[in-house]
Amino acid sequence: MNKTLHRADTRGAAEHGWLSSRHTFSFADYQDHERTRFGLLRVINDDVVHPSGGFGTHPHENMEIVSVPLEGELRHQDSMGNTQHIRAGEVQIMSAGTGITHSEFNASDSADVKFLQIWVFPKERDIEPRYDQKLFTAEERANRLQVVVSPDATDAGVRINQDAWFVRGDFRAGEGGRYDVKKPGNGVYLFVIEGSVDVAGESLERRDGLGIEAVADFEFAATADSQLLFIEVPM
């Protein structure tokens, strides 16, 4: 087993007035040559957008972009003609492919919106851009694992253009389980959204991240009521 540990307080920070962001990997003005990616996982940004603030129209290409709202509501608009609101419990994906532009704004003028913005390098380049979003209920991940992103169109998760899976789980203190790697050779990055968990000989707290590779499975146990996100990607 190989491990890569990132404590929450070691992440890059960006404060832009309307935005407060923490970067697990190098992004924008935060650059660390030792923290550029985990396998094909390129970005985990922990964003807080203040009321009425947001990201103006900007481009992407050849990247799989996943947004996981944690609190509040995002207003999304893109060059594919999508105008959507994305709320906590939903997962959004854009396969940017040959190129898209989009904007994201806090839909509220009184409350923050908090979300994870996650980028994964694509399996196929220059595909036709694609958009999807889906609601996942908390009941379906209570003390168990719930697939929310998958390369398999028959899975419950939104579809990604990569041999990658995103899996959520909400575990009460004292509960846990085992993560089985879905494709041999993939690694798994565990991000603690809330709570604390023991895994692979490490004790992780809120917003800590741990990359695990060269294993077929691993066990974990919540030491407090926890919300966990497992991101499995090719290495």
Protein backbone atom coordinates (compact mmCIF):
# COMPACT_ATOMS: atom_id res chain seq x y z
CA MET A 1 0.00 0.00 0.00
CA ASN A 2 1.18 3.50 -0.88
CA LYS A 3 -0.34 6.51 0.88
CA THR A 4 -0.43 10.26 0.24
CA LEU A 5 -1.69 12.32 3.18
CA HIS A 6 -2.95 15.90 2.86
CA ARG A 7 -4.07 17.60 6.06
CA ALA A 8 -6.79 20.21 5.73
CA ASP A 9 -4.60 23.02 7.09
CA THR A 10 -1.88 22.39 4.49
CA ARG A 11 -4.12 23.20 1.51
CA GLY A 12 -3.69 26.28 -0.61
CA ALA A 13 -5.93 29.23 0.21
CA ALA A 14 -7.60 31.86 -1.95
CA GLU A 15 -9.69 34.78 -0.72
CA HIS A 16 -11.40 36.93 -3.34
CA GLY A 17 -14.05 38.76 -1.34
CA TRP A 18 -16.96 36.93 -2.97
CA LEU A 19 -15.11 33.58 -2.81
CA SER A 20 -13.24 31.66 -0.13
CA SER A 21 -11.50 28.58 -1.52
CA ARG A 22 -9.15 25.84 -0.33
CA HIS A 23 -7.11 23.89 -2.88
CA THR A 24 -5.96 20.32 -2.23
CA PHE A 25 -3.83 20.43 -5.40
CA SER A 26 -2.03 23.23 -7.23
CA PHE A 27 -4.54 25.64 -8.71
CA ALA A 28 -4.41 29.25 -9.97
CA ASP A 29 -2.04 31.22 -7.70
CA TYR A 30 -1.41 28.24 -5.40
CA GLN A 31 1.42 26.20 -6.87
CA ASP A 32 3.26 23.32 -5.19
CA HIS A 33 5.21 20.99 -7.48
CA GLU A 34 4.71 18.15 -4.97
CA ARG A 35 0.93 18.58 -5.02
CA THR A 36 -0.19 18.69 -8.64
CA ARG A 37 -2.45 15.63 -8.81
CA PHE A 38 -3.27 12.16 -7.48
CA GLY A 39 -3.17 9.92 -10.53
CA LEU A 40 -5.69 11.43 -12.95
CA LEU A 41 -7.40 13.42 -10.19
CA ARG A 42 -6.32 16.99 -10.89
CA VAL A 43 -8.36 19.36 -8.69
CA ILE A 44 -10.29 19.31 -5.42
CA ASN A 45 -11.42 22.85 -4.59
CA ASP A 46 -13.43 23.40 -1.43
CA ASP A 47 -15.36 26.56 -2.36
CA VAL A 48 -17.56 28.96 -0.42
CA VAL A 49 -19.30 31.50 -2.65
CA HIS A 50 -20.86 34.37 -0.73
CA PRO A 51 -24.35 35.73 -1.50
CA SER A 52 -24.86 36.81 -5.12
CA GLY A 53 -21.20 36.11 -5.95
CA GLY A 54 -19.96 33.68 -8.53
CA PHE A 55 -17.74 32.63 -11.40
CA GLY A 56 -18.41 34.62 -14.58
CA THR A 57 -18.44 32.94 -17.98
CA HIS A 58 -15.17 31.08 -18.59
CA PRO A 59 -13.97 28.21 -20.81
CA HIS A 60 -12.94 24.58 -20.25
CA GLU A 61 -11.85 21.82 -22.57
CA ASN A 62 -10.83 18.16 -22.24
CA MET A 63 -11.60 17.89 -18.54
CA GLU A 64 -14.22 16.04 -16.49
CA ILE A 65 -15.62 18.61 -14.03
CA VAL A 66 -17.72 17.40 -11.10
CA SER A 67 -19.52 19.71 -8.67
CA VAL A 68 -20.83 18.43 -5.33
CA PRO A 69 -22.93 21.09 -3.52
CA LEU A 70 -22.80 20.73 0.27
CA GLU A 71 -24.95 23.70 1.32
CA GLY A 72 -27.06 26.18 -0.58
CA GLU A 73 -27.81 26.44 -4.29
CA LEU A 74 -25.73 27.15 -7.39
CA ARG A 75 -27.11 28.75 -10.55
CA HIS A 76 -25.45 27.26 -13.63
CA GLN A 77 -25.53 28.36 -17.27
CA ASP A 78 -23.44 27.02 -20.17
CA SER A 79 -22.84 27.16 -23.90
CA MET A 80 -24.66 23.83 -24.36
CA GLY A 81 -27.91 25.62 -23.50
CA ASN A 82 -28.24 24.35 -19.94
CA THR A 83 -29.65 26.69 -17.31
CA GLN A 84 -29.92 24.81 -14.03
CA HIS A 85 -29.98 25.20 -10.26
CA ILE A 86 -27.83 22.67 -8.40
CA ARG A 87 -28.61 21.98 -4.75
CA ALA A 88 -27.10 20.08 -1.85
CA GLY A 89 -27.59 16.37 -2.44
CA GLU A 90 -27.19 16.68 -6.20
CA VAL A 91 -24.08 15.95 -8.26
CA GLN A 92 -23.31 17.76 -11.51
CA ILE A 93 -20.87 16.71 -14.22
CA MET A 94 -19.61 18.45 -17.34
CA SER A 95 -17.53 16.53 -19.86
CA ALA A 96 -15.88 19.58 -21.41
CA GLY A 97 -14.49 17.72 -24.43
CA THR A 98 -13.89 19.96 -27.44
CA GLY A 99 -14.76 23.02 -25.37
CA ILE A 100 -17.50 24.73 -23.39
CA THR A 101 -18.07 27.98 -21.55
CA HIS A 102 -20.12 28.25 -18.39
CA SER A 103 -20.87 30.40 -15.36
CA GLU A 104 -21.78 29.51 -11.78
CA PHE A 105 -23.32 31.90 -9.27
CA ASN A 106 -24.74 31.67 -5.80
CA ALA A 107 -28.49 31.61 -6.32
CA SER A 108 -29.11 33.28 -2.94
CA ASP A 109 -28.67 36.91 -1.96
CA SER A 110 -28.53 36.04 1.76
CA ALA A 111 -26.77 32.67 2.30
CA ASP A 112 -23.44 31.16 1.29
CA VAL A 113 -23.23 28.26 -1.12
CA LYS A 114 -20.61 25.62 -0.32
CA PHE A 115 -19.50 23.04 -2.84
CA LEU A 116 -16.64 20.81 -3.94
CA GLN A 117 -15.30 21.39 -7.45
CA ILE A 118 -13.39 18.33 -8.66
CA TRP A 119 -11.54 17.84 -11.96
CA VAL A 120 -10.45 14.52 -13.47
CA PHE A 121 -8.47 14.13 -16.70
CA PRO A 122 -10.62 12.47 -19.40
CA LYS A 123 -10.22 9.04 -20.93
CA GLU A 124 -11.10 10.22 -24.44
CA ARG A 125 -10.13 13.69 -25.67
CA ASP A 126 -12.11 16.00 -27.93
CA ILE A 127 -15.47 14.33 -27.37
CA GLU A 128 -18.72 16.21 -27.83
CA PRO A 129 -19.37 18.17 -24.60
CA ARG A 130 -21.95 16.62 -22.29
CA TYR A 131 -23.84 17.74 -19.15
CA ASP A 132 -25.71 15.83 -16.47
CA GLN A 133 -26.91 16.25 -12.90
CA LYS A 134 -28.77 13.99 -10.51
CA LEU A 135 -30.16 14.01 -6.99
CA PHE A 136 -28.91 11.39 -4.51
CA THR A 137 -30.74 10.91 -1.23
CA ALA A 138 -28.91 10.83 2.10
CA GLU A 139 -30.96 7.81 3.15
CA GLU A 140 -29.30 5.72 0.43
CA ARG A 141 -25.83 6.36 1.87
CA ALA A 142 -26.62 6.02 5.58
CA ASN A 143 -23.94 3.68 6.94
CA ARG A 144 -23.22 2.39 3.44
CA LEU A 145 -21.52 3.39 0.20
CA GLN A 146 -23.42 5.14 -2.60
CA VAL A 147 -22.03 5.47 -6.16
CA VAL A 148 -22.64 9.01 -7.43
CA VAL A 149 -20.25 9.12 -10.44
CA SER A 150 -19.42 6.17 -12.68
CA PRO A 151 -18.16 5.36 -16.20
CA ASP A 152 -20.97 2.81 -16.54
CA ALA A 153 -24.18 4.30 -17.94
CA THR A 154 -26.17 1.53 -16.21
CA ASP A 155 -24.95 2.59 -12.74
CA ALA A 156 -26.92 4.97 -10.56
CA GLY A 157 -24.23 7.65 -10.74
CA VAL A 158 -23.83 10.40 -13.31
CA ARG A 159 -21.57 9.24 -16.14
CA ILE A 160 -17.92 10.26 -16.45
CA ASN A 161 -15.57 9.96 -19.42
CA GLN A 162 -12.93 8.10 -17.41
CA ASP A 163 -12.46 4.79 -15.56
CA ALA A 164 -13.29 6.65 -12.35
CA TRP A 165 -15.88 6.38 -9.62
CA PHE A 166 -17.06 8.81 -6.94
CA VAL A 167 -18.64 7.13 -3.92
CA ARG A 168 -20.24 8.83 -0.92
CA GLY A 169 -21.01 7.40 2.50
CA ASP A 170 -22.45 8.86 5.71
CA PHE A 171 -21.38 6.82 8.72
CA ARG A 172 -22.29 7.14 12.37
CA ALA A 173 -19.51 7.03 14.95
CA GLY A 174 -18.39 3.44 15.39
CA GLU A 175 -19.67 2.36 11.98
CA GLY A 176 -17.53 1.67 8.94
CA GLY A 177 -16.95 -0.67 6.07
CA ARG A 178 -14.65 -1.74 3.28
CA TYR A 179 -13.92 -0.04 -0.02
CA ASP A 180 -13.30 -2.46 -2.89
CA VAL A 181 -11.29 -0.94 -5.73
CA LYS A 182 -13.41 -1.27 -8.84
CA LYS A 183 -10.65 -1.43 -11.45
CA PRO A 184 -7.26 -3.06 -10.74
CA GLY A 185 -4.47 -0.48 -10.68
CA ASN A 186 -6.72 2.42 -9.72
CA GLY A 187 -6.04 4.48 -6.62
CA VAL A 188 -8.59 5.97 -4.22
CA TYR A 189 -8.52 9.44 -2.72
CA LEU A 190 -10.61 9.65 0.47
CA PHE A 191 -11.81 13.17 1.31
CA VAL A 192 -13.46 13.72 4.70
CA ILE A 193 -16.30 16.17 4.14
CA GLU A 194 -17.33 16.11 7.80
CA GLY A 195 -16.37 14.12 10.87
CA SER A 196 -13.39 11.85 11.41
CA VAL A 197 -12.33 8.38 10.30
CA ASP A 198 -9.58 5.83 10.83
CA VAL A 199 -8.25 4.32 7.61
CA ALA A 200 -5.01 2.66 6.50
CA GLY A 201 -3.28 3.44 9.80
CA GLU A 202 -4.18 7.14 9.64
CA SER A 203 -6.67 9.19 11.65
CA LEU A 204 -8.35 11.72 9.38
CA GLU A 205 -10.32 14.78 10.43
CA ARG A 206 -12.69 17.18 8.67
CA ARG A 207 -11.42 18.15 5.18
CA ASP A 208 -8.33 15.91 5.41
CA GLY A 209 -7.53 13.83 2.34
CA LEU A 210 -5.71 10.52 1.94
CA GLY A 211 -4.66 8.91 -1.34
CA ILE A 212 -4.36 5.12 -1.24
CA GLU A 213 -2.89 3.03 -4.06
CA ALA A 214 -1.50 -0.44 -4.77
CA VAL A 215 -4.31 -2.22 -2.89
CA ALA A 216 -7.41 -4.17 -3.90
CA ASP A 217 -9.46 -2.98 -0.91
CA PHE A 218 -9.18 -1.26 2.46
CA GLU A 219 -11.26 -0.87 5.59
CA PHE A 220 -12.34 2.31 7.34
CA ALA A 221 -14.14 3.19 10.57
CA ALA A 222 -15.80 6.47 11.50
CA THR A 223 -14.69 7.83 14.87
CA ALA A 224 -17.39 10.54 14.77
CA ASP A 225 -20.50 10.98 12.65
CA SER A 226 -18.93 11.44 9.22
CA GLN A 227 -19.58 12.28 5.59
CA LEU A 228 -17.00 10.65 3.31
CA LEU A 229 -16.19 10.98 -0.38
CA PHE A 230 -14.11 8.29 -2.11
CA ILE A 231 -12.67 9.29 -5.51
CA GLU A 232 -11.28 6.32 -7.46
CA VAL A 233 -9.11 7.17 -10.46
CA PRO A 234 -6.51 5.58 -12.74
CA MET A 235 -2.96 6.19 -11.55
